[in-house]
Amino acid sequence: MYVTVIEQVFSNITTQRIKLLRKMFQDHSNWLDKHYLLSCLLNEDLSIEEISKKIGVTSTDINNYLIHHELPENIIEKAHKNKGSFRNLEKIRRLNSHRFVKYLLYERAVLPKWDKNRLTTDKLQKIQWLLNIKEFKMLNWQGQCDIIQKAFIYKEILLTKWEEDCLNKLSEKEHTRSINFGVSLDQNLIN
């Protein structure tokens, strides 16, 4: 009985990391795992361009998995601890907003997963809509933070507004019915 064997020279840790990353980029693995391996390779003095060529992805793909130096250290620690979305943190970092506004968003993004106040991708999208309103941009950072606090509960506000609209429609319908009923009574009296 013969077994086919592929003989390969022993690879060093850098080569192993590159092979693992190549596989991870094909399988859509965990963001944090990719970040960790990329950071290790960068610490071994490989450039982003060298890594991207060896893995077979673009430099932009690599940059999407790196934690930017502008992110506060305590936010990064909380994100690790609470499994926060580093993609959302990066989106927040890129916002053209005051640093205190960003910090408010960072704090919400790294709350524990079970916390209803956590800034999710869906909530962040709604806040990005808010940030594009001309009048919002005219507010100082404190005013912006106040409005953003309300945007965190957009779902509750929207449901309350819809409920009010429904009640208004029902009251209009009741009012219209009573007017129609009054008109039909008047017509019966005339006949």
N, C-alpha and C. Protein backbone atom coordinates (compact mmCIF):
# COMPACT_ATOMS: atom_id res chain seq x y z
N MET A 1 0.84 -1.17 0.00
CA MET A 1 0.00 0.00 0.00
C MET A 1 0.89 1.24 0.00
N TYR A 2 0.55 2.19 -0.87
CA TYR A 2 1.31 3.42 -0.99
C TYR A 2 0.42 4.61 -0.64
N VAL A 3 0.99 5.57 0.05
CA VAL A 3 0.27 6.79 0.41
C VAL A 3 1.02 7.95 -0.21
N THR A 4 0.28 8.81 -0.88
CA THR A 4 0.89 9.99 -1.48
C THR A 4 1.12 11.04 -0.40
N VAL A 5 2.32 11.56 -0.38
CA VAL A 5 2.69 12.55 0.63
C VAL A 5 3.28 13.75 -0.08
N ILE A 6 2.87 14.94 0.37
CA ILE A 6 3.46 16.16 -0.16
C ILE A 6 4.47 16.64 0.88
N GLU A 7 5.70 16.75 0.41
CA GLU A 7 6.76 17.17 1.32
C GLU A 7 6.93 18.67 1.16
N GLN A 8 7.02 19.35 2.31
CA GLN A 8 7.14 20.80 2.28
C GLN A 8 8.14 21.21 3.34
N VAL A 9 8.92 22.22 3.02
CA VAL A 9 9.90 22.72 3.97
C VAL A 9 9.14 23.30 5.16
N PHE A 10 9.68 23.12 6.35
CA PHE A 10 9.05 23.65 7.56
C PHE A 10 8.85 25.16 7.40
N SER A 11 7.65 25.60 7.67
CA SER A 11 7.36 27.02 7.51
C SER A 11 7.48 27.73 8.86
N ASN A 12 7.86 28.98 8.77
CA ASN A 12 7.97 29.77 10.00
C ASN A 12 6.59 30.33 10.39
N ILE A 13 6.54 30.99 11.52
CA ILE A 13 5.27 31.50 12.05
C ILE A 13 4.64 32.53 11.10
N THR A 14 5.46 33.34 10.44
CA THR A 14 4.94 34.35 9.51
C THR A 14 4.23 33.68 8.35
N THR A 15 4.84 32.67 7.78
CA THR A 15 4.22 31.94 6.67
C THR A 15 2.93 31.27 7.11
N GLN A 16 2.94 30.72 8.30
CA GLN A 16 1.72 30.08 8.83
C GLN A 16 0.60 31.10 8.99
N ARG A 17 0.94 32.28 9.49
CA ARG A 17 -0.07 33.34 9.66
C ARG A 17 -0.64 33.78 8.32
N ILE A 18 0.22 33.90 7.33
CA ILE A 18 -0.24 34.32 6.00
C ILE A 18 -1.18 33.27 5.41
N LYS A 19 -0.82 31.99 5.53
CA LYS A 19 -1.69 30.92 5.03
C LYS A 19 -3.04 30.93 5.75
N LEU A 20 -2.98 31.12 7.05
CA LEU A 20 -4.21 31.15 7.84
C LEU A 20 -5.08 32.35 7.43
N LEU A 21 -4.46 33.50 7.25
CA LEU A 21 -5.21 34.69 6.84
C LEU A 21 -5.82 34.51 5.45
N ARG A 22 -5.07 33.89 4.55
CA ARG A 22 -5.59 33.64 3.20
C ARG A 22 -6.89 32.83 3.28
N LYS A 23 -6.87 31.81 4.11
CA LYS A 23 -8.06 30.98 4.32
C LYS A 23 -9.17 31.78 5.00
N MET A 24 -8.82 32.59 5.98
CA MET A 24 -9.81 33.38 6.72
C MET A 24 -10.50 34.39 5.82
N PHE A 25 -9.76 34.99 4.89
CA PHE A 25 -10.38 35.96 3.98
C PHE A 25 -11.33 35.27 3.00
N GLN A 26 -11.10 34.01 2.71
CA GLN A 26 -12.01 33.26 1.84
C GLN A 26 -13.26 32.81 2.58
N ASP A 27 -13.12 32.53 3.89
CA ASP A 27 -14.22 31.97 4.67
C ASP A 27 -15.02 33.00 5.45
N HIS A 28 -14.70 34.27 5.34
CA HIS A 28 -15.39 35.33 6.08
C HIS A 28 -15.37 35.06 7.59
N SER A 29 -14.18 34.89 8.12
CA SER A 29 -14.00 34.59 9.54
C SER A 29 -14.21 35.83 10.40
N ASN A 30 -14.07 35.61 11.69
CA ASN A 30 -14.25 36.64 12.70
C ASN A 30 -13.34 37.85 12.46
N TRP A 31 -13.92 39.05 12.57
CA TRP A 31 -13.19 40.30 12.35
C TRP A 31 -12.00 40.41 13.29
N LEU A 32 -12.22 40.13 14.54
CA LEU A 32 -11.19 40.30 15.55
C LEU A 32 -10.01 39.35 15.32
N ASP A 33 -10.29 38.12 14.88
CA ASP A 33 -9.21 37.17 14.59
C ASP A 33 -8.34 37.66 13.44
N LYS A 34 -8.99 38.20 12.41
CA LYS A 34 -8.23 38.74 11.28
C LYS A 34 -7.38 39.91 11.75
N HIS A 35 -7.98 40.78 12.55
CA HIS A 35 -7.25 41.93 13.07
C HIS A 35 -6.00 41.48 13.83
N TYR A 36 -6.17 40.50 14.68
CA TYR A 36 -5.06 40.02 15.50
C TYR A 36 -3.91 39.51 14.63
N LEU A 37 -4.24 38.66 13.66
CA LEU A 37 -3.18 38.11 12.80
C LEU A 37 -2.51 39.20 11.95
N LEU A 38 -3.31 40.13 11.45
CA LEU A 38 -2.73 41.23 10.66
C LEU A 38 -1.82 42.08 11.53
N SER A 39 -2.23 42.36 12.75
CA SER A 39 -1.38 43.14 13.66
C SER A 39 -0.06 42.43 13.93
N CYS A 40 -0.13 41.12 14.11
CA CYS A 40 1.10 40.34 14.33
C CYS A 40 2.03 40.47 13.13
N LEU A 41 1.48 40.36 11.92
CA LEU A 41 2.32 40.47 10.71
C LEU A 41 2.92 41.88 10.58
N LEU A 42 2.13 42.89 10.90
CA LEU A 42 2.65 44.26 10.83
C LEU A 42 3.76 44.47 11.86
N ASN A 43 3.62 43.83 13.01
CA ASN A 43 4.66 43.92 14.04
C ASN A 43 5.93 43.19 13.63
N GLU A 44 5.83 42.31 12.65
CA GLU A 44 7.00 41.60 12.12
C GLU A 44 7.64 42.39 10.98
N ASP A 45 7.26 43.64 10.86
CA ASP A 45 7.80 44.58 9.87
C ASP A 45 7.43 44.26 8.43
N LEU A 46 6.30 43.60 8.23
CA LEU A 46 5.77 43.44 6.88
C LEU A 46 4.87 44.64 6.61
N SER A 47 4.92 45.15 5.39
CA SER A 47 4.05 46.29 5.05
C SER A 47 2.66 45.78 4.67
N ILE A 48 1.71 46.69 4.67
CA ILE A 48 0.33 46.34 4.28
C ILE A 48 0.32 45.83 2.84
N GLU A 49 1.12 46.46 1.99
CA GLU A 49 1.18 46.05 0.58
C GLU A 49 1.73 44.62 0.44
N GLU A 50 2.78 44.30 1.20
CA GLU A 50 3.35 42.95 1.15
C GLU A 50 2.33 41.92 1.63
N ILE A 51 1.65 42.24 2.72
CA ILE A 51 0.65 41.31 3.28
C ILE A 51 -0.48 41.10 2.28
N SER A 52 -0.96 42.19 1.71
CA SER A 52 -2.10 42.08 0.77
C SER A 52 -1.72 41.23 -0.45
N LYS A 53 -0.50 41.38 -0.96
CA LYS A 53 -0.06 40.56 -2.10
C LYS A 53 0.01 39.08 -1.73
N LYS A 54 0.56 38.81 -0.55
CA LYS A 54 0.73 37.41 -0.14
C LYS A 54 -0.61 36.73 0.15
N ILE A 55 -1.57 37.52 0.65
CA ILE A 55 -2.88 36.95 0.98
C ILE A 55 -3.79 36.91 -0.25
N GLY A 56 -3.57 37.86 -1.15
CA GLY A 56 -4.40 37.92 -2.35
C GLY A 56 -5.62 38.81 -2.20
N VAL A 57 -5.48 39.87 -1.38
CA VAL A 57 -6.55 40.85 -1.20
C VAL A 57 -5.97 42.24 -1.42
N THR A 58 -6.83 43.25 -1.41
CA THR A 58 -6.35 44.62 -1.62
C THR A 58 -5.87 45.22 -0.30
N SER A 59 -5.12 46.30 -0.41
CA SER A 59 -4.67 47.02 0.79
C SER A 59 -5.86 47.57 1.57
N THR A 60 -6.91 47.96 0.86
CA THR A 60 -8.12 48.46 1.51
C THR A 60 -8.75 47.37 2.35
N ASP A 61 -8.76 46.14 1.84
CA ASP A 61 -9.30 45.02 2.62
C ASP A 61 -8.52 44.86 3.92
N ILE A 62 -7.21 45.00 3.84
CA ILE A 62 -6.38 44.88 5.04
C ILE A 62 -6.70 46.00 6.01
N ASN A 63 -6.78 47.23 5.51
CA ASN A 63 -7.04 48.38 6.37
C ASN A 63 -8.38 48.27 7.10
N ASN A 64 -9.35 47.58 6.48
CA ASN A 64 -10.66 47.41 7.12
C ASN A 64 -10.59 46.57 8.39
N TYR A 65 -9.48 45.86 8.58
CA TYR A 65 -9.35 44.99 9.75
C TYR A 65 -8.32 45.49 10.76
N LEU A 66 -7.91 46.73 10.61
CA LEU A 66 -6.95 47.28 11.54
C LEU A 66 -7.63 48.31 12.45
N ILE A 67 -7.24 48.34 13.69
CA ILE A 67 -7.79 49.31 14.64
C ILE A 67 -6.99 50.59 14.51
N HIS A 68 -7.69 51.67 14.24
CA HIS A 68 -7.03 52.95 14.03
C HIS A 68 -6.53 53.52 15.35
N HIS A 69 -5.40 54.21 15.28
CA HIS A 69 -4.78 54.77 16.50
C HIS A 69 -5.63 55.85 17.16
N GLU A 70 -6.61 56.43 16.44
CA GLU A 70 -7.47 57.47 17.02
C GLU A 70 -8.50 56.90 18.00
N LEU A 71 -8.76 55.60 17.93
CA LEU A 71 -9.74 55.01 18.84
C LEU A 71 -9.17 55.02 20.26
N PRO A 72 -9.95 55.53 21.22
CA PRO A 72 -9.46 55.57 22.61
C PRO A 72 -9.19 54.16 23.14
N GLU A 73 -8.13 54.06 23.92
CA GLU A 73 -7.69 52.77 24.47
C GLU A 73 -8.80 52.09 25.29
N ASN A 74 -9.50 52.88 26.14
CA ASN A 74 -10.55 52.28 26.97
C ASN A 74 -11.72 51.76 26.13
N ILE A 75 -11.97 52.38 25.00
CA ILE A 75 -13.04 51.94 24.10
C ILE A 75 -12.64 50.60 23.46
N ILE A 76 -11.39 50.49 23.06
CA ILE A 76 -10.90 49.24 22.46
C ILE A 76 -11.00 48.10 23.49
N GLU A 77 -10.62 48.39 24.73
CA GLU A 77 -10.70 47.37 25.79
C GLU A 77 -12.15 46.93 26.02
N LYS A 78 -13.07 47.90 26.09
CA LYS A 78 -14.49 47.56 26.28
C LYS A 78 -15.03 46.79 25.08
N ALA A 79 -14.58 47.13 23.89
CA ALA A 79 -15.02 46.43 22.69
C ALA A 79 -14.58 44.97 22.74
N HIS A 80 -13.34 44.73 23.16
CA HIS A 80 -12.85 43.35 23.31
C HIS A 80 -13.69 42.60 24.34
N LYS A 81 -13.89 43.24 25.48
CA LYS A 81 -14.60 42.61 26.60
C LYS A 81 -16.05 42.29 26.24
N ASN A 82 -16.75 43.24 25.59
CA ASN A 82 -18.19 43.10 25.32
C ASN A 82 -18.50 42.66 23.89
N LYS A 83 -17.47 42.24 23.18
CA LYS A 83 -17.63 41.81 21.78
C LYS A 83 -18.32 42.90 20.94
N GLY A 84 -17.78 44.11 21.08
CA GLY A 84 -18.29 45.25 20.33
C GLY A 84 -17.90 45.15 18.87
N SER A 85 -18.64 45.83 18.04
CA SER A 85 -18.38 45.82 16.61
C SER A 85 -17.29 46.82 16.26
N PHE A 86 -16.13 46.30 15.86
CA PHE A 86 -15.04 47.19 15.45
C PHE A 86 -15.37 47.87 14.13
N ARG A 87 -16.22 47.26 13.33
CA ARG A 87 -16.65 47.93 12.10
C ARG A 87 -17.44 49.18 12.44
N ASN A 88 -18.34 49.08 13.43
CA ASN A 88 -19.11 50.25 13.84
C ASN A 88 -18.20 51.31 14.45
N LEU A 89 -17.22 50.88 15.23
CA LEU A 89 -16.27 51.85 15.80
C LEU A 89 -15.52 52.58 14.70
N GLU A 90 -15.15 51.85 13.66
CA GLU A 90 -14.45 52.48 12.54
C GLU A 90 -15.38 53.45 11.80
N LYS A 91 -16.65 53.08 11.64
CA LYS A 91 -17.62 53.99 11.00
C LYS A 91 -17.77 55.26 11.82
N ILE A 92 -17.83 55.10 13.13
CA ILE A 92 -17.96 56.27 14.01
C ILE A 92 -16.70 57.13 13.90
N ARG A 93 -15.55 56.50 13.89
CA ARG A 93 -14.28 57.25 13.80
C ARG A 93 -14.23 58.11 12.54
N ARG A 94 -14.80 57.61 11.47
CA ARG A 94 -14.76 58.33 10.19
C ARG A 94 -15.80 59.45 10.08
N LEU A 95 -16.72 59.52 11.04
CA LEU A 95 -17.74 60.56 10.98
C LEU A 95 -17.11 61.94 11.10
N ASN A 96 -17.70 62.89 10.41
CA ASN A 96 -17.23 64.27 10.48
C ASN A 96 -18.00 64.96 11.60
N SER A 97 -17.67 64.61 12.85
CA SER A 97 -18.38 65.12 14.01
C SER A 97 -17.38 65.51 15.09
N HIS A 98 -17.87 66.27 16.05
CA HIS A 98 -17.06 66.69 17.19
C HIS A 98 -16.61 65.46 17.97
N ARG A 99 -15.45 65.53 18.58
CA ARG A 99 -14.90 64.37 19.29
C ARG A 99 -15.78 63.93 20.46
N PHE A 100 -16.51 64.87 21.10
CA PHE A 100 -17.40 64.48 22.19
C PHE A 100 -18.62 63.72 21.67
N VAL A 101 -19.09 64.09 20.49
CA VAL A 101 -20.20 63.37 19.86
C VAL A 101 -19.73 61.96 19.52
N LYS A 102 -18.54 61.85 18.95
CA LYS A 102 -17.99 60.53 18.62
C LYS A 102 -17.83 59.69 19.88
N TYR A 103 -17.36 60.30 20.96
CA TYR A 103 -17.13 59.54 22.18
C TYR A 103 -18.45 59.00 22.73
N LEU A 104 -19.51 59.80 22.65
CA LEU A 104 -20.83 59.32 23.07
C LEU A 104 -21.22 58.09 22.26
N LEU A 105 -20.98 58.14 20.95
CA LEU A 105 -21.31 57.00 20.08
C LEU A 105 -20.42 55.80 20.39
N TYR A 106 -19.13 56.05 20.62
CA TYR A 106 -18.22 54.95 20.98
C TYR A 106 -18.71 54.24 22.24
N GLU A 107 -19.04 55.03 23.26
CA GLU A 107 -19.48 54.45 24.53
C GLU A 107 -20.70 53.55 24.34
N ARG A 108 -21.63 53.99 23.51
CA ARG A 108 -22.83 53.19 23.27
C ARG A 108 -22.53 51.95 22.46
N ALA A 109 -21.56 52.04 21.56
CA ALA A 109 -21.24 50.92 20.67
C ALA A 109 -20.56 49.76 21.40
N VAL A 110 -19.96 50.04 22.55
CA VAL A 110 -19.23 48.99 23.26
C VAL A 110 -19.94 48.52 24.53
N LEU A 111 -21.22 48.88 24.67
CA LEU A 111 -22.00 48.36 25.79
C LEU A 111 -22.17 46.85 25.60
N PRO A 112 -22.45 46.12 26.68
CA PRO A 112 -22.66 44.66 26.55
C PRO A 112 -23.79 44.35 25.56
N LYS A 113 -23.70 43.20 24.90
CA LYS A 113 -24.68 42.81 23.88
C LYS A 113 -26.11 42.79 24.41
N TRP A 114 -26.30 42.44 25.67
CA TRP A 114 -27.64 42.34 26.24
C TRP A 114 -28.23 43.70 26.58
N ASP A 115 -27.42 44.77 26.58
CA ASP A 115 -27.89 46.10 26.96
C ASP A 115 -28.72 46.70 25.82
N LYS A 116 -29.95 47.09 26.12
CA LYS A 116 -30.84 47.63 25.09
C LYS A 116 -30.36 49.00 24.58
N ASN A 117 -29.47 49.64 25.31
CA ASN A 117 -28.94 50.94 24.91
C ASN A 117 -27.72 50.84 23.99
N ARG A 118 -27.31 49.63 23.69
CA ARG A 118 -26.14 49.42 22.83
C ARG A 118 -26.42 49.99 21.43
N LEU A 119 -25.42 50.64 20.88
CA LEU A 119 -25.52 51.20 19.54
C LEU A 119 -25.26 50.08 18.52
N THR A 120 -26.32 49.64 17.89
CA THR A 120 -26.23 48.58 16.89
C THR A 120 -25.98 49.19 15.52
N THR A 121 -25.71 48.35 14.56
CA THR A 121 -25.51 48.83 13.18
C THR A 121 -26.75 49.54 12.68
N ASP A 122 -27.93 49.00 13.01
CA ASP A 122 -29.19 49.61 12.59
C ASP A 122 -29.36 51.00 13.20
N LYS A 123 -29.09 51.14 14.48
CA LYS A 123 -29.20 52.45 15.14
C LYS A 123 -28.17 53.43 14.59
N LEU A 124 -26.97 52.93 14.32
CA LEU A 124 -25.93 53.80 13.78
C LEU A 124 -26.34 54.35 12.42
N GLN A 125 -27.01 53.53 11.62
CA GLN A 125 -27.49 53.99 10.32
C GLN A 125 -28.46 55.17 10.49
N LYS A 126 -29.37 55.07 11.45
CA LYS A 126 -30.34 56.14 11.69
C LYS A 126 -29.62 57.40 12.17
N ILE A 127 -28.60 57.23 12.99
CA ILE A 127 -27.84 58.38 13.47
C ILE A 127 -27.08 59.04 12.33
N GLN A 128 -26.60 58.24 11.39
CA GLN A 128 -25.92 58.80 10.22
C GLN A 128 -26.90 59.64 9.39
N TRP A 129 -28.16 59.22 9.31
CA TRP A 129 -29.17 60.05 8.64
C TRP A 129 -29.28 61.39 9.35
N LEU A 130 -29.33 61.34 10.67
CA LEU A 130 -29.44 62.55 11.48
C LEU A 130 -28.25 63.48 11.24
N LEU A 131 -27.07 62.92 11.19
CA LEU A 131 -25.85 63.72 11.01
C LEU A 131 -25.82 64.47 9.68
N ASN A 132 -26.61 64.02 8.72
CA ASN A 132 -26.62 64.67 7.41
C ASN A 132 -27.65 65.79 7.29
N ILE A 133 -28.44 66.01 8.34
CA ILE A 133 -29.43 67.09 8.32
C ILE A 133 -28.70 68.42 8.53
N LYS A 134 -28.97 69.37 7.66
CA LYS A 134 -28.29 70.67 7.68
C LYS A 134 -28.44 71.36 9.04
N GLU A 135 -29.65 71.36 9.58
CA GLU A 135 -29.89 72.04 10.85
C GLU A 135 -29.15 71.36 12.00
N PHE A 136 -29.01 70.04 11.91
CA PHE A 136 -28.27 69.31 12.95
C PHE A 136 -26.81 69.77 12.95
N LYS A 137 -26.24 69.94 11.79
CA LYS A 137 -24.84 70.36 11.67
C LYS A 137 -24.63 71.76 12.26
N MET A 138 -25.70 72.55 12.31
CA MET A 138 -25.59 73.92 12.82
C MET A 138 -25.57 73.96 14.36
N LEU A 139 -25.97 72.88 15.01
CA LEU A 139 -25.98 72.81 16.47
C LEU A 139 -24.56 72.67 17.02
N ASN A 140 -24.35 73.15 18.26
CA ASN A 140 -23.06 72.89 18.90
C ASN A 140 -23.03 71.43 19.35
N TRP A 141 -21.88 70.96 19.82
CA TRP A 141 -21.74 69.53 20.15
C TRP A 141 -22.70 69.10 21.24
N GLN A 142 -23.01 70.00 22.22
CA GLN A 142 -23.94 69.62 23.29
C GLN A 142 -25.35 69.41 22.73
N GLY A 143 -25.77 70.32 21.85
CA GLY A 143 -27.08 70.17 21.21
C GLY A 143 -27.15 68.91 20.37
N GLN A 144 -26.06 68.62 19.67
CA GLN A 144 -26.02 67.40 18.86
C GLN A 144 -26.13 66.16 19.75
N CYS A 145 -25.43 66.17 20.89
CA CYS A 145 -25.51 65.02 21.80
C CYS A 145 -26.93 64.84 22.34
N ASP A 146 -27.61 65.95 22.64
CA ASP A 146 -28.99 65.86 23.13
C ASP A 146 -29.90 65.22 22.09
N ILE A 147 -29.76 65.64 20.84
CA ILE A 147 -30.60 65.09 19.77
C ILE A 147 -30.25 63.62 19.53
N ILE A 148 -28.97 63.29 19.58
CA ILE A 148 -28.54 61.91 19.36
C ILE A 148 -29.11 61.00 20.45
N GLN A 149 -29.18 61.50 21.68
CA GLN A 149 -29.76 60.70 22.77
C GLN A 149 -31.19 60.28 22.40
N LYS A 150 -31.93 61.19 21.77
CA LYS A 150 -33.29 60.87 21.34
C LYS A 150 -33.27 59.90 20.16
N ALA A 151 -32.27 60.03 19.32
CA ALA A 151 -32.17 59.15 18.15
C ALA A 151 -31.90 57.70 18.56
N PHE A 152 -31.28 57.51 19.72
CA PHE A 152 -31.03 56.15 20.20
C PHE A 152 -32.34 55.39 20.42
N ILE A 153 -33.40 56.12 20.73
CA ILE A 153 -34.70 55.48 20.98
C ILE A 153 -35.66 55.76 19.82
N TYR A 154 -35.11 55.83 18.61
CA TYR A 154 -35.93 56.18 17.45
C TYR A 154 -37.13 55.25 17.29
N LYS A 155 -36.96 53.98 17.61
CA LYS A 155 -38.05 53.02 17.42
C LYS A 155 -39.24 53.38 18.30
N GLU A 156 -38.97 53.66 19.58
CA GLU A 156 -40.04 54.01 20.50
C GLU A 156 -40.73 55.31 20.06
N ILE A 157 -39.94 56.29 19.65
CA ILE A 157 -40.49 57.57 19.19
C ILE A 157 -41.36 57.37 17.95
N LEU A 158 -40.88 56.57 17.02
CA LEU A 158 -41.62 56.31 15.79
C LEU A 158 -42.92 55.57 16.08
N LEU A 159 -42.88 54.57 16.94
CA LEU A 159 -44.09 53.83 17.30
C LEU A 159 -45.11 54.74 17.99
N THR A 160 -44.64 55.62 18.87
CA THR A 160 -45.54 56.57 19.54
C THR A 160 -46.18 57.51 18.52
N LYS A 161 -45.39 57.98 17.58
CA LYS A 161 -45.91 58.88 16.54
C LYS A 161 -46.96 58.16 15.70
N TRP A 162 -46.70 56.92 15.33
CA TRP A 162 -47.68 56.17 14.54
C TRP A 162 -48.96 55.93 15.34
N GLU A 163 -48.79 55.65 16.62
CA GLU A 163 -49.96 55.45 17.47
C GLU A 163 -50.81 56.72 17.52
N GLU A 164 -50.15 57.88 17.67
CA GLU A 164 -50.86 59.17 17.67
C GLU A 164 -51.59 59.38 16.34
N ASP A 165 -50.91 59.07 15.24
CA ASP A 165 -51.52 59.22 13.92
C ASP A 165 -52.76 58.33 13.78
N CYS A 166 -52.67 57.11 14.27
CA CYS A 166 -53.81 56.19 14.22
C CYS A 166 -54.98 56.72 15.04
N LEU A 167 -54.68 57.20 16.25
CA LEU A 167 -55.72 57.76 17.10
C LEU A 167 -56.37 58.99 16.45
N ASN A 168 -55.56 59.82 15.81
CA ASN A 168 -56.10 60.99 15.11
C ASN A 168 -57.02 60.57 13.97
N LYS A 169 -56.61 59.56 13.23
CA LYS A 169 -57.45 59.06 12.13
C LYS A 169 -58.76 58.49 12.66
N LEU A 170 -58.67 57.73 13.76
CA LEU A 170 -59.87 57.16 14.37
C LEU A 170 -60.79 58.26 14.87
N SER A 171 -60.23 59.30 15.45
CA SER A 171 -61.04 60.40 15.95
C SER A 171 -61.67 61.17 14.79
N GLU A 172 -60.94 61.35 13.68
CA GLU A 172 -61.52 61.98 12.48
C GLU A 172 -62.68 61.14 11.95
N LYS A 173 -62.48 59.84 11.91
CA LYS A 173 -63.51 58.93 11.42
C LYS A 173 -64.75 59.01 12.31
N GLU A 174 -64.55 59.05 13.63
CA GLU A 174 -65.65 59.17 14.58
C GLU A 174 -66.38 60.48 14.37
N HIS A 175 -65.60 61.55 14.19
CA HIS A 175 -66.18 62.89 13.97
C HIS A 175 -66.98 62.91 12.67
N THR A 176 -66.41 62.30 11.61
CA THR A 176 -67.10 62.24 10.32
C THR A 176 -68.38 61.42 10.45
N ARG A 177 -68.32 60.31 11.18
CA ARG A 177 -69.49 59.45 11.36
C ARG A 177 -70.58 60.22 12.12
N SER A 178 -70.22 60.99 13.15
CA SER A 178 -71.22 61.73 13.90
C SER A 178 -71.83 62.84 13.07
N ILE A 179 -71.03 63.46 12.19
CA ILE A 179 -71.58 64.48 11.28
C ILE A 179 -72.54 63.82 10.31
N ASN A 180 -72.12 62.69 9.72
CA ASN A 180 -72.99 61.98 8.77
C ASN A 180 -74.27 61.49 9.46
N PHE A 181 -74.14 61.03 10.70
CA PHE A 181 -75.30 60.56 11.45
C PHE A 181 -76.25 61.73 11.72
N GLY A 182 -75.67 62.90 12.06
CA GLY A 182 -76.48 64.08 12.31
C GLY A 182 -77.20 64.53 11.06
N VAL A 183 -76.53 64.46 9.90
CA VAL A 183 -77.14 64.84 8.63
C VAL A 183 -78.27 63.89 8.30
N SER A 184 -78.09 62.60 8.51
CA SER A 184 -79.14 61.64 8.18
C SER A 184 -80.33 61.82 9.12
N LEU A 185 -80.11 62.19 10.39
CA LEU A 185 -81.22 62.46 11.31
C LEU A 185 -82.02 63.66 10.84
N ASP A 186 -81.31 64.73 10.42
CA ASP A 186 -81.97 65.93 9.92
C ASP A 186 -82.80 65.62 8.69
N GLN A 187 -82.28 64.79 7.79
CA GLN A 187 -83.01 64.44 6.57
C GLN A 187 -84.26 63.61 6.91
N ASN A 188 -84.18 62.75 7.91
CA ASN A 188 -85.34 61.95 8.32
C ASN A 188 -86.41 62.84 8.92
N LEU A 189 -86.00 63.87 9.65
CA LEU A 189 -86.97 64.80 10.23
C LEU A 189 -87.68 65.61 9.14
N ILE A 190 -86.95 65.96 8.10
CA ILE A 190 -87.54 66.73 6.99
C ILE A 190 -88.54 65.85 6.25
N ASN A 191 -88.26 64.62 6.04
CA ASN A 191 -89.13 63.71 5.28
C ASN A 191 -90.27 63.36 6.15
